Protein backbone atom coordinates (compact mmCIF):
# COMPACT_ATOMS: atom_id res chain seq x y z
CA MET A 1 119.40 97.52 103.33
CA ASP A 2 121.61 94.40 103.05
CA ARG A 3 120.80 91.12 104.76
CA MET A 4 123.27 91.61 107.63
CA SER A 5 121.89 95.07 108.41
CA ALA A 6 118.35 93.75 108.31
CA LEU A 7 119.29 90.89 110.63
CA PHE A 8 120.88 93.35 113.06
CA VAL A 9 117.72 95.45 113.11
CA VAL A 10 115.60 92.37 113.81
CA ILE A 11 117.86 91.32 116.68
CA VAL A 12 117.80 94.81 118.19
CA LEU A 13 114.01 95.00 117.90
CA ALA A 14 113.63 91.57 119.47
CA ALA A 15 115.88 92.52 122.36
CA SER A 16 113.95 95.77 122.78
CA CYS A 17 110.62 93.89 122.83
CA PHE A 18 111.99 91.43 125.41
CA ALA A 19 113.17 94.29 127.62
CA SER A 20 109.79 95.98 127.34
CA ALA A 21 108.02 92.72 128.20
CA ARG A 22 110.08 92.47 131.37
CA ALA A 23 109.82 96.14 132.32
CA GLY A 24 108.34 96.47 135.76
CA TRP A 25 109.17 92.87 136.71
CA SER A 26 111.19 92.06 139.82
CA GLN A 27 113.83 89.43 140.45
CA GLY A 28 113.32 86.55 142.83
CA SER A 29 113.66 82.80 143.14
CA ALA A 30 111.36 79.78 143.31
CA THR A 31 111.24 76.25 144.67
CA PHE A 32 108.31 73.82 144.86
CA TYR A 33 106.46 71.68 147.41
CA GLY A 34 103.28 69.67 147.83
CA GLY A 35 103.57 66.75 145.38
CA PRO A 36 102.27 66.29 141.82
CA ASP A 37 98.60 66.77 142.78
CA ALA A 38 99.32 69.83 144.98
CA ALA A 39 97.58 68.09 147.90
CA GLY A 40 100.38 69.14 150.22
CA THR A 41 99.63 72.80 149.57
CA MET A 42 96.08 72.64 150.97
CA GLY A 43 95.39 74.66 154.11
CA GLY A 44 98.18 77.14 154.74
CA ALA A 45 98.77 80.44 156.49
CA CYS A 46 96.06 82.33 154.59
CA GLY A 47 93.31 80.05 155.92
CA TYR A 48 91.66 79.10 152.63
CA GLY A 49 91.54 75.39 153.52
CA ASN A 50 90.83 73.19 150.50
CA LEU A 51 92.13 75.32 147.65
CA TYR A 52 90.02 73.50 145.06
CA ALA A 53 86.82 74.17 147.00
CA ALA A 54 87.92 77.76 147.59
CA GLY A 55 88.33 78.31 143.85
CA TYR A 56 92.11 78.69 143.78
CA GLY A 57 93.05 75.31 142.33
CA SER A 58 96.58 73.96 142.14
CA ASN A 59 98.42 77.01 140.78
CA ASN A 60 99.38 78.45 144.13
CA ALA A 61 102.47 79.36 146.11
CA ALA A 62 103.75 80.11 149.59
CA LEU A 63 105.42 83.53 149.79
CA SER A 64 108.58 84.39 151.65
CA THR A 65 108.25 86.62 154.70
CA SER A 66 109.06 89.82 152.82
CA LEU A 67 106.36 89.12 150.20
CA PHE A 68 103.75 87.69 152.59
CA SER A 69 103.57 90.95 154.58
CA GLY A 70 101.94 89.40 157.62
CA GLY A 71 99.06 88.04 155.56
CA ALA A 72 98.28 91.24 153.66
CA SER A 73 99.29 89.52 150.40
CA CYS A 74 96.92 86.57 150.83
CA GLY A 75 94.93 86.04 147.64
CA GLN A 76 97.17 88.15 145.42
CA CYS A 77 98.07 86.83 141.98
CA TYR A 78 101.59 86.82 140.57
CA GLN A 79 102.88 86.04 137.13
CA ILE A 80 106.17 84.15 137.37
CA ALA A 81 108.69 83.43 134.62
CA CYS A 82 111.85 81.39 134.86
CA ASP A 83 114.83 83.67 134.22
CA ALA A 84 116.62 81.88 131.38
CA SER A 85 119.37 84.50 131.39
CA LYS A 86 120.58 83.07 134.73
CA THR A 87 119.94 79.32 134.50
CA THR A 88 119.68 76.38 132.14
CA SER A 89 116.92 74.84 134.27
CA CYS A 90 113.98 76.65 132.67
CA LYS A 91 111.39 74.60 130.82
CA PRO A 92 112.14 75.26 127.13
CA GLY A 93 109.70 77.65 125.49
CA ALA A 94 107.63 78.04 128.64
CA ASP A 95 105.26 80.97 129.11
CA PRO A 96 104.98 82.61 132.54
CA VAL A 97 102.58 80.93 134.98
CA THR A 98 100.08 82.78 137.17
CA ILE A 99 99.76 81.69 140.80
CA THR A 100 97.73 82.75 143.83
CA ALA A 101 99.41 83.47 147.17
CA THR A 102 97.85 81.03 149.64
CA ASN A 103 100.55 80.29 152.21
CA LEU A 104 103.66 81.54 154.03
CA CYS A 105 107.09 80.07 153.38
CA PRO A 106 108.68 80.67 156.81
CA PRO A 107 112.31 81.65 157.27
CA ASN A 108 114.86 79.04 158.24
CA TRP A 109 117.35 80.88 160.42
CA ALA A 110 119.54 77.78 160.74
CA LEU A 111 120.51 78.11 157.07
CA SER A 112 122.03 80.90 155.04
CA SER A 113 119.63 82.75 152.77
CA ASN A 114 121.83 81.66 149.86
CA ASN A 115 122.10 78.05 150.98
CA GLY A 116 118.73 76.62 151.92
CA GLY A 117 117.18 79.55 153.77
CA TRP A 118 115.42 80.60 150.60
CA CYS A 119 112.53 82.30 152.42
CA ASN A 120 114.66 84.31 154.83
CA PRO A 121 114.18 88.10 154.69
CA PRO A 122 114.77 90.07 152.59
CA ARG A 123 114.59 87.45 149.81
CA ALA A 124 111.67 87.53 147.38
CA HIS A 125 110.91 83.83 147.07
CA PHE A 126 107.99 81.68 145.87
CA ASP A 127 107.61 78.12 147.14
CA MET A 128 105.28 77.01 144.37
CA SER A 129 102.99 74.01 144.07
CA GLN A 130 104.66 71.32 141.99
CA PRO A 131 102.10 71.59 139.13
CA ALA A 132 102.67 75.36 138.90
CA TRP A 133 106.46 74.96 139.07
CA LEU A 134 106.54 72.39 136.26
CA ASN A 135 105.03 75.00 133.93
CA ILE A 136 108.28 76.95 134.02
CA GLY A 137 111.09 74.87 135.54
CA LEU A 138 112.71 71.45 135.33
CA TYR A 139 111.92 69.06 138.18
CA LYS A 140 115.60 68.27 138.81
CA ALA A 141 116.54 71.91 139.32
CA GLY A 142 115.22 72.31 142.86
CA ILE A 143 115.51 76.10 142.79
CA ILE A 144 115.45 78.57 139.90
CA PRO A 145 115.85 82.33 139.50
CA VAL A 146 112.60 83.98 138.40
CA LEU A 147 111.10 87.24 137.27
CA TYR A 148 107.73 88.11 138.76
CA GLN A 149 105.04 90.76 138.84
CA GLN A 150 101.72 91.13 140.58
CA VAL A 151 98.77 90.84 138.17
CA ARG A 152 95.01 91.11 138.33
CA CYS A 153 93.12 88.13 139.76
CA TRP A 154 90.17 86.74 137.82
CA ARG A 155 87.66 84.87 139.96
CA GLN A 156 84.52 82.94 139.15
CA GLY A 157 81.55 84.47 140.97
CA GLY A 158 81.49 86.91 143.85
CA ILE A 159 83.44 87.47 147.06
CA ARG A 160 82.80 84.85 149.76
CA PHE A 161 82.46 85.33 153.50
CA THR A 162 82.84 82.39 155.91
CA ILE A 163 81.86 83.22 159.48
CA ALA A 164 83.54 81.31 162.30
CA GLY A 165 83.82 82.08 165.99
CA PHE A 166 81.70 81.67 169.10
CA ASN A 167 79.16 83.82 170.92
CA ASN A 168 80.31 87.46 170.59
CA PHE A 169 83.53 86.69 168.71
CA GLU A 170 83.35 86.63 164.90
CA LEU A 171 86.18 85.44 162.65
CA VAL A 172 85.42 86.14 158.99
CA LEU A 173 87.39 84.46 156.21
CA ILE A 174 87.18 86.50 153.00
CA SER A 175 87.99 84.48 149.88
CA ASN A 176 87.50 84.34 146.10
CA VAL A 177 88.61 87.96 145.86
CA GLY A 178 89.18 89.35 142.37
CA GLY A 179 91.03 92.48 141.27
CA PRO A 180 94.15 92.71 143.43
CA GLY A 181 93.05 89.56 145.26
CA SER A 182 93.71 91.04 148.67
CA ILE A 183 91.84 93.13 151.22
CA ARG A 184 92.90 96.36 152.91
CA SER A 185 90.03 96.79 155.35
CA VAL A 186 86.66 95.29 156.33
CA SER A 187 83.66 96.49 158.32
CA VAL A 188 80.48 94.67 159.31
CA LYS A 189 77.05 96.00 160.20
CA GLY A 190 74.06 94.31 161.79
CA ASP A 191 70.56 95.73 161.75
CA LYS A 192 71.07 96.74 165.39
CA THR A 193 74.62 98.11 165.11
CA ASP A 194 76.61 100.79 163.38
CA TRP A 195 79.52 99.83 161.15
CA ILE A 196 82.13 97.86 163.13
CA GLN A 197 85.74 97.76 161.96
CA LEU A 198 87.31 94.30 161.74
CA ASN A 199 91.00 93.64 162.34
CA ARG A 200 93.15 91.07 160.62
CA ASN A 201 93.53 88.06 162.87
CA TRP A 202 95.66 85.83 160.62
CA GLY A 203 95.98 85.36 156.87
CA ALA A 204 92.71 86.26 155.17
CA ASN A 205 90.75 86.02 158.46
CA TRP A 206 89.30 89.17 160.02
CA GLN A 207 87.88 89.46 163.52
CA CYS A 208 85.64 91.54 165.75
CA ASN A 209 84.08 91.22 169.17
CA ALA A 210 80.41 92.09 168.81
CA ALA A 211 76.97 90.67 169.58
CA LEU A 212 75.94 89.95 165.99
CA VAL A 213 74.17 86.61 166.33
CA GLY A 214 70.56 86.84 165.18
CA GLN A 215 71.11 89.89 163.00
CA PRO A 216 71.32 90.16 159.20
CA LEU A 217 74.81 91.30 158.26
CA SER A 218 76.24 93.67 155.67
CA PHE A 219 79.91 94.10 154.81
CA ALA A 220 81.98 97.01 153.55
CA VAL A 221 85.17 95.72 151.95
CA THR A 222 88.06 97.76 150.58
CA SER A 223 90.64 96.12 148.33
CA THR A 224 94.33 96.88 148.44
CA ASN A 225 93.77 98.84 145.21
CA GLY A 226 91.37 101.14 147.07
CA GLN A 227 88.06 99.99 145.54
CA LYS A 228 85.28 99.85 148.15
CA LEU A 229 82.23 97.62 147.92
CA TYR A 230 79.14 97.73 150.13
CA ILE A 231 77.64 94.25 150.22
CA ASN A 232 74.31 94.88 151.91
CA ASP A 233 72.19 92.26 153.67
CA LEU A 234 74.34 89.41 152.43
CA VAL A 235 73.93 87.31 155.57
CA PRO A 236 70.38 86.51 156.77
CA TYR A 237 69.42 86.78 160.43
CA TRP A 238 69.40 82.97 160.86
CA TRP A 239 73.10 82.55 160.05
CA LYS A 240 75.19 80.10 162.07
CA PHE A 241 78.92 79.91 162.73
CA SER A 242 80.85 77.99 160.02
CA MET A 243 78.44 79.04 157.25
CA THR A 244 79.69 80.58 153.98
CA PHE A 245 77.83 83.27 152.06
CA THR A 246 78.69 84.25 148.48
CA SER A 247 77.98 87.76 147.29
CA ASN A 248 77.11 88.82 143.74
CA GLN A 249 79.76 91.53 143.82
CA GLN A 250 83.39 91.48 142.81
CA PHE A 251 86.30 93.92 142.54
CA THR A 252 86.77 95.13 138.99
CA TYR A 253 90.34 96.46 139.06
């Protein structure tokens, strides 16, 4: 094989490997917000509050309406790569960055979806923290085309349950979720009750109306991948509203 033929084979193989690496990825776009320390991304429509304390750190993003799915995507992890085939504003040699969905990027109906209304349906858009954005894009760009895919979330420690509410109303924030990062359904059980189904209130917060004060609590949690965990007797009978309890269980896929 002569040198030109060998070079052609290498180029074809490289192109084939690149195509395989991007197989299953989807096209979208990305902007950034929140400042260089990501302080402006704290809080948000998922309800995680301080993202450092919640274990999510600064690599986070607000999802457009179509991706946010009414809060069902809260906690999910996405790998995002700048699409260098469509822009010169990618950071040279950058690897994809992995972010956690922690907020909603609301639509702006006053602007066209192609001219400022980046989060309008049906666009797939990530409004990333500035630190996450700078892993893949140039600051001056403002907006870049991206390729993205949902990936497994890796979390330190077990799933956390923060109980808010008052009297017979319980609002349970579920955070630090591994595997798919997001929850499909939740039930709670006291030592004087049967299993009670919770409903999503907002973001990663789930609610029920039940007289649970003074009872030890167990949770049954099903991930969006379909894995179900029974977390028995996690919460002692003396629990108070605003307390957080960390389990020793985690989703594995």
